[in-house]
Structures are given as structure tokens and as C-alpha cells.
């Protein structure tokens, strides 16, 4: 089974079954599978986001307040 890593997409369009998140100080945009929402490790990242921003995100999209390396490390463990 292949590991699906998050990837950046230059277009503003997000493929069906995916959603965009913004990560790190530079607000790098990643497009990840919706299936990650069910994963406990990703839910931990969502909890960090809720603590930092509540339900209002500064750039309009979901912002994850961790560095890019940590985000890629966590999401690389998800199937």
C-alpha cells in the first residue's frame, strides 16, 4: 500500500476528496485527503489549531500551528 504524503498545489482548486490546510509561519498550503480527519494523530493537530485560533482562522482556511517538518512527519504516518 502506498503512503500518501501531503502535497502543495499551486492552483486554488482542491481535488474532490481532499482539502487545503495552511502550515507553519510561512503558511505553506498543503492539500491532504479528507480521510485524515478520522485519524487520531491528525485530530491532535486539529486540537492544536483550535487552542491557537479557536474557530476563526486568520487567512480563511484551516491553519495548523506547527512547523512544516512536524506536519509532514505526522501526515506521512497516516493511511
C-alpha atoms as a PDB file:
ATOM      1  CA  UNK A   1       0.000   0.000   0.000  1.00  0.00           C
ATOM      2  CA  UNK A   2       1.396   3.396  -0.964  1.00  0.00           C
ATOM      3  CA  UNK A   3       1.821   6.181   1.568  1.00  0.00           C
ATOM      4  CA  UNK A   4       0.004   9.358   0.607  1.00  0.00           C
ATOM      5  CA  UNK A   5       2.047  12.376   1.585  1.00  0.00           C
ATOM      6  CA  UNK A   6       0.575  15.853   1.728  1.00  0.00           C
ATOM      7  CA  UNK A   7       1.434  17.936  -1.267  1.00  0.00           C
ATOM      8  CA  UNK A   8       1.285  21.512  -2.306  1.00  0.00           C
ATOM      9  CA  UNK A   9      -0.978  22.553  -5.137  1.00  0.00           C
ATOM     10  CA  UNK A  10      -0.382  25.847  -6.862  1.00  0.00           C
ATOM     11  CA  UNK A  11      -3.950  26.077  -8.140  1.00  0.00           C
ATOM     12  CA  UNK A  12      -6.680  27.213  -5.765  1.00  0.00           C
ATOM     13  CA  UNK A  13      -8.799  24.242  -6.864  1.00  0.00           C
ATOM     14  CA  UNK A  14      -8.792  21.295  -4.494  1.00  0.00           C
ATOM     15  CA  UNK A  15      -9.495  17.828  -5.914  1.00  0.00           C
ATOM     16  CA  UNK A  16     -12.598  16.001  -4.722  1.00  0.00           C
ATOM     17  CA  UNK A  17     -11.859  14.083  -1.518  1.00  0.00           C
ATOM     18  CA  UNK A  18      -9.133  16.496  -0.405  1.00  0.00           C
ATOM     19  CA  UNK A  19      -8.942  19.778   1.489  1.00  0.00           C
ATOM     20  CA  UNK A  20      -6.374  22.508   1.931  1.00  0.00           C
ATOM     21  CA  UNK A  21      -4.604  23.439   5.147  1.00  0.00           C
ATOM     22  CA  UNK A  22      -2.012  26.125   5.865  1.00  0.00           C
ATOM     23  CA  UNK A  23       1.007  25.148   7.948  1.00  0.00           C
ATOM     24  CA  UNK A  24       3.845  26.927   9.712  1.00  0.00           C
ATOM     25  CA  UNK A  25       4.948  30.525   9.952  1.00  0.00           C
ATOM     26  CA  UNK A  26       5.092  30.855   6.168  1.00  0.00           C
ATOM     27  CA  UNK A  27       1.520  29.490   5.861  1.00  0.00           C
ATOM     28  CA  UNK A  28       2.543  26.876   3.290  1.00  0.00           C
ATOM     29  CA  UNK A  29      -0.544  25.370   1.663  1.00  0.00           C
ATOM     30  CA  UNK A  30      -0.913  21.580   1.684  1.00  0.00           C
ATOM     31  CA  UNK A  31      -3.702  19.564   0.118  1.00  0.00           C
ATOM     32  CA  UNK A  32      -4.488  16.420   2.081  1.00  0.00           C
ATOM     33  CA  UNK A  33      -7.090  13.638   1.922  1.00  0.00           C
ATOM     34  CA  UNK A  34     -10.345  14.131   3.834  1.00  0.00           C
ATOM     35  CA  UNK A  35      -9.757  10.666   5.315  1.00  0.00           C
ATOM     36  CA  UNK A  36      -7.072  12.225   7.565  1.00  0.00           C
ATOM     37  CA  UNK A  37      -9.878  13.829   9.594  1.00  0.00           C
ATOM     38  CA  UNK A  38     -10.643  10.429  11.160  1.00  0.00           C
ATOM     39  CA  UNK A  39      -7.050   9.798  12.242  1.00  0.00           C
ATOM     40  CA  UNK A  40      -6.159  10.411  15.924  1.00  0.00           C
ATOM     41  CA  UNK A  41      -2.755  11.923  15.058  1.00  0.00           C
ATOM     42  CA  UNK A  42      -4.374  14.437  12.722  1.00  0.00           C
ATOM     43  CA  UNK A  43      -7.067  15.159  15.295  1.00  0.00           C
ATOM     44  CA  UNK A  44      -4.242  16.138  17.670  1.00  0.00           C
ATOM     45  CA  UNK A  45      -3.112  18.712  15.090  1.00  0.00           C
ATOM     46  CA  UNK A  46      -6.689  19.968  14.836  1.00  0.00           C
ATOM     47  CA  UNK A  47      -6.763  20.329  18.629  1.00  0.00           C
ATOM     48  CA  UNK A  48      -3.617  22.483  18.451  1.00  0.00           C
ATOM     49  CA  UNK A  49      -5.330  24.612  15.835  1.00  0.00           C
ATOM     50  CA  UNK A  50      -8.432  25.024  17.982  1.00  0.00           C
ATOM     51  CA  UNK A  51      -6.339  26.054  21.002  1.00  0.00           C
ATOM     52  CA  UNK A  52      -4.393  28.614  18.964  1.00  0.00           C
ATOM     53  CA  UNK A  53      -7.121  30.084  16.764  1.00  0.00           C
ATOM     54  CA  UNK A  54     -10.460  28.801  18.046  1.00  0.00           C
ATOM     55  CA  UNK A  55     -12.737  28.508  15.052  1.00  0.00           C
ATOM     56  CA  UNK A  56     -11.579  31.732  13.415  1.00  0.00           C
ATOM     57  CA  UNK A  57      -8.591  31.239  11.181  1.00  0.00           C
ATOM     58  CA  UNK A  58      -6.638  34.321  10.111  1.00  0.00           C
ATOM     59  CA  UNK A  59      -6.360  33.536   6.401  1.00  0.00           C
ATOM     60  CA  UNK A  60      -9.782  31.985   5.961  1.00  0.00           C
ATOM     61  CA  UNK A  61      -8.583  28.398   5.577  1.00  0.00           C
ATOM     62  CA  UNK A  62      -7.728  25.820   8.196  1.00  0.00           C
ATOM     63  CA  UNK A  63      -4.396  26.786   9.773  1.00  0.00           C
ATOM     64  CA  UNK A  64      -2.269  24.218  11.600  1.00  0.00           C
ATOM     65  CA  UNK A  65       0.104  25.918  14.089  1.00  0.00           C
ATOM     66  CA  UNK A  66       3.131  23.653  13.813  1.00  0.00           C
ATOM     67  CA  UNK A  67       6.259  23.700  11.702  1.00  0.00           C
ATOM     68  CA  UNK A  68       6.161  22.143   8.250  1.00  0.00           C
ATOM     69  CA  UNK A  69       8.559  19.325   9.162  1.00  0.00           C
ATOM     70  CA  UNK A  70       6.338  18.156  12.019  1.00  0.00           C
ATOM     71  CA  UNK A  71       3.250  18.323   9.804  1.00  0.00           C
ATOM     72  CA  UNK A  72       4.885  16.256   7.059  1.00  0.00           C
ATOM     73  CA  UNK A  73       6.184  13.772   9.659  1.00  0.00           C
ATOM     74  CA  UNK A  74       2.734  13.294  11.229  1.00  0.00           C
ATOM     75  CA  UNK A  75       0.824  13.088   7.960  1.00  0.00           C
ATOM     76  CA  UNK A  76       3.356  10.647   6.461  1.00  0.00           C
ATOM     77  CA  UNK A  77       2.302   8.171   9.178  1.00  0.00           C
ATOM     78  CA  UNK A  78      -1.373   8.285   8.179  1.00  0.00           C
ATOM     79  CA  UNK A  79      -3.041   5.974   5.687  1.00  0.00           C
END
